[in-house]
Amino acid sequence: MWFVCYYMVEVRIEFDDEEQYERLKKLKKHRGLTWKGLLLEGEKKVREDTPE
């Protein structure tokens, strides 16, 4: 018997101001990403820039 579990987690982000939100929204649209995709791209960059 197989069980498949999918987890849906909702994340809410508070931006410092409208300018910060618009800047990130523009980047997201330019790269063709979703908000999730933008977050995952950010994680990848942080991992590349941070020695373990």
C-alpha atoms as a PDB file:
ATOM      1  CA  MET A   1       0.000   0.000   0.000  1.00  0.00           C
ATOM      2  CA  TRP A   2       1.360   3.445  -1.010  1.00  0.00           C
ATOM      3  CA  PHE A   3       0.626   6.743   0.678  1.00  0.00           C
ATOM      4  CA  VAL A   4       1.337  10.058  -0.939  1.00  0.00           C
ATOM      5  CA  CYS A   5       1.361  13.177   1.198  1.00  0.00           C
ATOM      6  CA  TYR A   6       1.357  16.663  -0.207  1.00  0.00           C
ATOM      7  CA  TYR A   7       1.868  19.628   2.057  1.00  0.00           C
ATOM      8  CA  MET A   8       0.501  23.049   1.207  1.00  0.00           C
ATOM      9  CA  VAL A   9       2.030  25.762   3.322  1.00  0.00           C
ATOM     10  CA  GLU A  10       0.946  29.352   3.037  1.00  0.00           C
ATOM     11  CA  VAL A  11       3.654  31.966   3.441  1.00  0.00           C
ATOM     12  CA  ARG A  12       2.882  35.635   3.995  1.00  0.00           C
ATOM     13  CA  ILE A  13       5.563  38.189   3.274  1.00  0.00           C
ATOM     14  CA  GLU A  14       5.546  41.691   4.721  1.00  0.00           C
ATOM     15  CA  PHE A  15       7.335  44.234   2.569  1.00  0.00           C
ATOM     16  CA  ASP A  16       8.939  47.317   4.075  1.00  0.00           C
ATOM     17  CA  ASP A  17       7.183  49.588   1.593  1.00  0.00           C
ATOM     18  CA  GLU A  18       5.422  49.723  -1.774  1.00  0.00           C
ATOM     19  CA  GLU A  19       8.723  50.373  -3.610  1.00  0.00           C
ATOM     20  CA  GLN A  20      10.255  47.154  -2.292  1.00  0.00           C
ATOM     21  CA  TYR A  21       7.160  45.182  -3.311  1.00  0.00           C
ATOM     22  CA  GLU A  22       7.087  46.705  -6.806  1.00  0.00           C
ATOM     23  CA  ARG A  23      10.830  46.063  -7.310  1.00  0.00           C
ATOM     24  CA  LEU A  24      10.468  42.372  -6.460  1.00  0.00           C
ATOM     25  CA  LYS A  25       7.249  42.020  -8.462  1.00  0.00           C
ATOM     26  CA  LYS A  26       9.017  43.513 -11.505  1.00  0.00           C
ATOM     27  CA  LEU A  27      11.971  41.113 -11.086  1.00  0.00           C
ATOM     28  CA  LYS A  28       9.595  38.166 -10.730  1.00  0.00           C
ATOM     29  CA  LYS A  29       7.736  39.114 -13.902  1.00  0.00           C
ATOM     30  CA  HIS A  30      10.954  39.809 -15.853  1.00  0.00           C
ATOM     31  CA  ARG A  31      12.346  36.356 -14.979  1.00  0.00           C
ATOM     32  CA  GLY A  32       9.022  34.629 -15.696  1.00  0.00           C
ATOM     33  CA  LEU A  33       8.751  33.288 -12.160  1.00  0.00           C
ATOM     34  CA  THR A  34       6.028  32.788  -9.602  1.00  0.00           C
ATOM     35  CA  TRP A  35       6.534  34.098  -6.072  1.00  0.00           C
ATOM     36  CA  LYS A  36       7.567  30.559  -5.112  1.00  0.00           C
ATOM     37  CA  GLY A  37      10.057  30.463  -7.984  1.00  0.00           C
ATOM     38  CA  LEU A  38      11.546  33.802  -6.942  1.00  0.00           C
ATOM     39  CA  LEU A  39      11.961  32.532  -3.385  1.00  0.00           C
ATOM     40  CA  LEU A  40      13.632  29.317  -4.565  1.00  0.00           C
ATOM     41  CA  GLU A  41      15.989  31.263  -6.863  1.00  0.00           C
ATOM     42  CA  GLY A  42      16.924  33.417  -3.862  1.00  0.00           C
ATOM     43  CA  GLU A  43      17.634  30.310  -1.800  1.00  0.00           C
ATOM     44  CA  LYS A  44      19.876  28.934  -4.550  1.00  0.00           C
ATOM     45  CA  LYS A  45      21.866  32.196  -4.696  1.00  0.00           C
ATOM     46  CA  VAL A  46      22.298  32.314  -0.911  1.00  0.00           C
ATOM     47  CA  ARG A  47      23.556  28.704  -0.896  1.00  0.00           C
ATOM     48  CA  GLU A  48      26.047  29.487  -3.694  1.00  0.00           C
ATOM     49  CA  ASP A  49      27.346  32.574  -1.857  1.00  0.00           C
ATOM     50  CA  THR A  50      27.551  30.969   1.601  1.00  0.00           C
ATOM     51  CA  PRO A  51      30.413  28.556   2.355  1.00  0.00           C
ATOM     52  CA  GLU A  52      29.398  25.643   4.542  1.00  0.00           C
END
